[in-house]
Amino acid sequence: MFDINILIGILSGSLATLVVKEVINQINKRQDFTRELKKITYIRKLEKAENAIAFYWTYINRVIEMKKSLEVVVKAVHELEEKENDIQIIQEVLNKTGQAITDMSGEKYSSINSIHLYFDLEDLEKWNEIDIESLLKSLAETKSIDNEIKIWTDLHDNSLHVNDRNQADIYWNRAIELLPEYVNSLQNFIDGLEKNRKATYAMIQAIKKQLKQY
């Protein structure tokens, strides 16, 4: 006769085995899910990082080009002689500067703002609200003086066209008087661009470092 205790033992052992197997199976599924989740997150972060770094490098190069261009403008204004035959040179310089400032005043970060959801990039020592305010202020001041100088130089040209040299001289002197203020404001804007360039480069390095740690 078959011992009932042996049967119970066999059934109990089989049940325990099944329970253990199911527990292991659930653990494996959880681990697989966790790995897949990490993989998806990493791929997402990698895509964001690649897009952001590509954008930031393009932006940095643009800032460098703009900074060098504006530095040439400052140098050119410093070296100008206060003579009427320099008026064309000044106008050309101001036109190029005005276009450069217009280019820099466009939206720069809207397309890659989501990078901040995946990486900790805030560094208030390198770039903060005060820096933004200072850059925008110098930009506005430069553009305002730029427009004012353009008004006086246009009036100068108009006076010359009607052979009113005395009035043309008055307008010319008014334009010349604004040049020191213009150069100072422009230099502040250049300094702001340089600080922004360094802060942007630091963000690129932070993205690369955090991506390696993931």
Protein backbone atom coordinates (compact mmCIF):
# COMPACT_ATOMS: atom_id res chain seq x y z
CA MET A 1 0.00 0.00 0.00
CA PHE A 2 1.27 3.45 -1.00
CA ASP A 3 2.20 5.58 2.01
CA ILE A 4 0.02 8.71 2.04
CA ASN A 5 2.77 10.65 3.78
CA ILE A 6 5.11 9.96 0.88
CA LEU A 7 2.45 11.20 -1.58
CA ILE A 8 1.91 14.37 0.42
CA GLY A 9 5.65 14.91 0.51
CA ILE A 10 5.95 14.52 -3.24
CA LEU A 11 3.04 16.86 -3.90
CA SER A 12 4.34 19.37 -1.39
CA GLY A 13 7.77 19.25 -2.98
CA SER A 14 6.32 19.76 -6.45
CA LEU A 15 4.22 22.68 -5.24
CA ALA A 16 7.20 24.27 -3.54
CA THR A 17 9.23 23.84 -6.70
CA LEU A 18 6.53 25.51 -8.72
CA VAL A 19 6.31 28.40 -6.27
CA VAL A 20 10.08 28.86 -6.31
CA LYS A 21 10.16 28.72 -10.11
CA GLU A 22 7.39 31.31 -10.35
CA VAL A 23 9.16 33.58 -7.87
CA ILE A 24 12.37 33.31 -9.89
CA ASN A 25 10.44 33.90 -13.08
CA GLN A 26 8.85 37.06 -11.66
CA ILE A 27 12.26 38.29 -10.46
CA ASN A 28 13.73 37.71 -13.91
CA LYS A 29 10.82 39.53 -15.52
CA ARG A 30 11.30 42.44 -13.14
CA GLN A 31 15.03 42.52 -13.91
CA ASP A 32 14.31 42.37 -17.64
CA PHE A 33 11.81 45.20 -17.26
CA THR A 34 14.30 47.26 -15.27
CA ARG A 35 17.04 46.65 -17.85
CA GLU A 36 14.70 47.54 -20.70
CA LEU A 37 13.58 50.67 -18.88
CA LYS A 38 17.18 51.72 -18.30
CA LYS A 39 17.96 50.98 -21.94
CA ILE A 40 15.07 53.11 -23.16
CA THR A 41 16.00 55.91 -20.76
CA TYR A 42 19.65 55.77 -21.84
CA ILE A 43 18.71 55.84 -25.52
CA ARG A 44 16.43 58.80 -24.85
CA LYS A 45 19.14 60.60 -22.92
CA LEU A 46 21.67 59.82 -25.63
CA GLU A 47 19.39 61.29 -28.30
CA LYS A 48 18.83 64.42 -26.25
CA ALA A 49 22.54 64.69 -25.51
CA GLU A 50 23.51 64.33 -29.17
CA ASN A 51 21.01 66.97 -30.26
CA ALA A 52 21.95 69.36 -27.48
CA ILE A 53 25.70 69.00 -27.99
CA ALA A 54 25.35 69.50 -31.74
CA PHE A 55 23.26 72.60 -31.11
CA TYR A 56 25.56 73.98 -28.42
CA TRP A 57 28.67 73.50 -30.60
CA THR A 58 26.95 75.32 -33.46
CA TYR A 59 25.91 78.06 -31.08
CA ILE A 60 29.41 78.37 -29.61
CA ASN A 61 30.93 78.72 -33.07
CA ARG A 62 28.33 81.34 -33.90
CA VAL A 63 29.13 83.25 -30.71
CA ILE A 64 32.86 83.11 -31.47
CA GLU A 65 32.27 84.45 -34.98
CA MET A 66 29.99 87.18 -33.65
CA LYS A 67 32.42 88.12 -30.89
CA LYS A 68 35.33 88.43 -33.33
CA SER A 69 33.18 90.46 -35.70
CA LEU A 70 32.16 92.86 -32.96
CA GLU A 71 35.75 93.16 -31.73
CA VAL A 72 36.72 94.21 -35.26
CA VAL A 73 33.96 96.82 -35.09
CA VAL A 74 35.31 98.20 -31.80
CA LYS A 75 38.82 98.37 -33.21
CA ALA A 76 37.58 100.02 -36.39
CA VAL A 77 35.67 102.70 -34.46
CA HIS A 78 38.73 103.39 -32.29
CA GLU A 79 40.92 103.83 -35.35
CA LEU A 80 38.55 106.06 -37.26
CA GLU A 81 39.63 109.65 -37.80
CA GLU A 82 36.96 112.24 -37.20
CA LYS A 83 36.80 113.40 -40.81
CA GLU A 84 33.91 113.54 -43.23
CA ASN A 85 35.53 111.08 -45.60
CA ASP A 86 35.28 108.49 -42.84
CA ILE A 87 31.48 108.68 -42.80
CA GLN A 88 31.06 105.86 -45.30
CA ILE A 89 33.33 103.61 -43.26
CA ILE A 90 31.35 104.27 -40.08
CA GLN A 91 28.05 103.63 -41.83
CA GLU A 92 29.27 100.33 -43.22
CA VAL A 93 30.54 99.28 -39.80
CA LEU A 94 27.25 100.23 -38.13
CA ASN A 95 25.20 98.41 -40.75
CA LYS A 96 27.20 95.21 -40.24
CA THR A 97 26.99 95.56 -36.47
CA GLY A 98 23.25 96.14 -36.57
CA GLN A 99 22.70 92.99 -38.60
CA ALA A 100 25.00 91.02 -36.30
CA ILE A 101 23.09 92.16 -33.21
CA THR A 102 19.78 91.32 -34.88
CA ASP A 103 21.06 87.81 -35.61
CA MET A 104 22.14 87.33 -32.00
CA SER A 105 18.84 88.52 -30.56
CA GLY A 106 16.84 85.57 -31.96
CA GLU A 107 15.56 82.59 -29.96
CA LYS A 108 18.45 80.24 -29.23
CA TYR A 109 17.34 77.55 -26.81
CA SER A 110 13.69 76.66 -27.38
CA SER A 111 14.42 73.54 -29.44
CA ILE A 112 16.68 71.88 -26.87
CA ASN A 113 15.21 73.01 -23.54
CA SER A 114 14.09 69.44 -22.76
CA ILE A 115 17.74 68.48 -22.20
CA HIS A 116 17.33 69.90 -18.68
CA LEU A 117 14.81 67.16 -17.90
CA TYR A 118 17.52 64.52 -18.34
CA PHE A 119 20.68 66.29 -17.16
CA ASP A 120 21.56 68.60 -14.30
CA LEU A 121 23.14 71.53 -16.15
CA GLU A 122 22.38 74.49 -13.91
CA ASP A 123 25.50 76.32 -12.73
CA LEU A 124 24.61 79.72 -11.34
CA GLU A 125 28.25 80.69 -10.95
CA LYS A 126 28.86 80.38 -14.68
CA TRP A 127 25.55 81.78 -15.95
CA ASN A 128 22.53 83.15 -14.10
CA GLU A 129 19.65 85.61 -14.33
CA ILE A 130 21.92 88.57 -13.59
CA ASP A 131 24.14 87.60 -16.52
CA ILE A 132 21.12 87.27 -18.80
CA GLU A 133 19.82 90.65 -17.67
CA SER A 134 23.23 92.24 -18.22
CA LEU A 135 23.59 90.75 -21.70
CA LEU A 136 20.12 91.84 -22.78
CA LYS A 137 20.67 95.31 -21.31
CA SER A 138 23.94 95.82 -23.17
CA LEU A 139 22.30 94.48 -26.33
CA ALA A 140 19.42 96.95 -26.01
CA GLU A 141 21.78 99.85 -25.24
CA THR A 142 24.03 99.00 -28.18
CA LYS A 143 21.10 98.74 -30.57
CA SER A 144 19.62 102.00 -29.29
CA ILE A 145 22.88 103.93 -29.75
CA ASP A 146 23.39 102.23 -33.08
CA ASN A 147 20.02 103.53 -34.26
CA GLU A 148 20.73 107.01 -32.92
CA ILE A 149 24.07 107.24 -34.69
CA LYS A 150 22.40 106.06 -37.89
CA ILE A 151 19.85 108.86 -37.59
CA TRP A 152 22.57 111.51 -37.26
CA THR A 153 24.63 110.09 -40.12
CA ASP A 154 21.54 109.98 -42.36
CA LEU A 155 20.81 113.60 -41.49
CA HIS A 156 24.43 114.41 -42.27
CA ASP A 157 24.07 112.83 -45.72
CA ASN A 158 20.82 114.66 -46.40
CA SER A 159 22.40 117.99 -45.48
CA LEU A 160 25.33 117.35 -47.79
CA HIS A 161 22.94 116.56 -50.63
CA VAL A 162 21.40 120.04 -50.29
CA ASN A 163 24.84 121.65 -49.87
CA ASP A 164 24.21 122.63 -46.25
CA ARG A 165 27.68 121.86 -44.96
CA ASN A 166 27.31 123.73 -41.68
CA GLN A 167 24.28 121.70 -40.68
CA ALA A 168 25.98 118.54 -41.93
CA ASP A 169 28.91 119.24 -39.61
CA ILE A 170 26.54 119.62 -36.67
CA TYR A 171 24.91 116.27 -37.39
CA TRP A 172 28.29 114.64 -37.92
CA ASN A 173 29.60 115.90 -34.57
CA ARG A 174 26.49 114.57 -32.82
CA ALA A 175 27.20 111.14 -34.30
CA ILE A 176 30.87 111.30 -33.28
CA GLU A 177 29.93 112.25 -29.71
CA LEU A 178 28.04 108.96 -29.37
CA LEU A 179 30.95 106.75 -30.41
CA PRO A 180 32.61 106.38 -26.95
CA GLU A 181 29.29 105.36 -25.37
CA TYR A 182 28.63 103.07 -28.31
CA VAL A 183 32.00 101.33 -27.99
CA ASN A 184 31.58 100.92 -24.22
CA SER A 185 28.13 99.37 -24.62
CA LEU A 186 29.35 97.16 -27.43
CA GLN A 187 32.28 95.95 -25.33
CA ASN A 188 29.90 95.04 -22.50
CA PHE A 189 27.90 93.00 -24.97
CA ILE A 190 31.06 91.28 -26.21
CA ASP A 191 32.05 90.43 -22.61
CA GLY A 192 28.59 88.98 -22.04
CA LEU A 193 28.89 86.83 -25.15
CA GLU A 194 32.24 85.50 -23.97
CA LYS A 195 30.84 84.53 -20.56
CA ASN A 196 27.89 82.86 -22.26
CA ARG A 197 30.26 80.96 -24.55
CA LYS A 198 32.19 79.60 -21.57
CA ALA A 199 28.97 78.65 -19.78
CA THR A 200 27.71 76.84 -22.89
CA TYR A 201 30.97 74.93 -23.22
CA ALA A 202 30.68 73.92 -19.54
CA MET A 203 27.20 72.52 -20.25
CA ILE A 204 28.62 70.38 -23.06
CA GLN A 205 31.23 68.95 -20.69
CA ALA A 206 28.57 68.34 -18.01
CA ILE A 207 26.39 66.43 -20.47
CA LYS A 208 29.29 64.22 -21.54
CA LYS A 209 30.31 63.55 -17.93
CA GLN A 210 26.80 62.67 -16.74
CA LEU A 211 26.18 60.46 -19.77
CA LYS A 212 29.28 58.40 -18.96
CA GLN A 213 28.07 57.89 -15.40
CA TYR A 214 24.71 56.50 -16.48
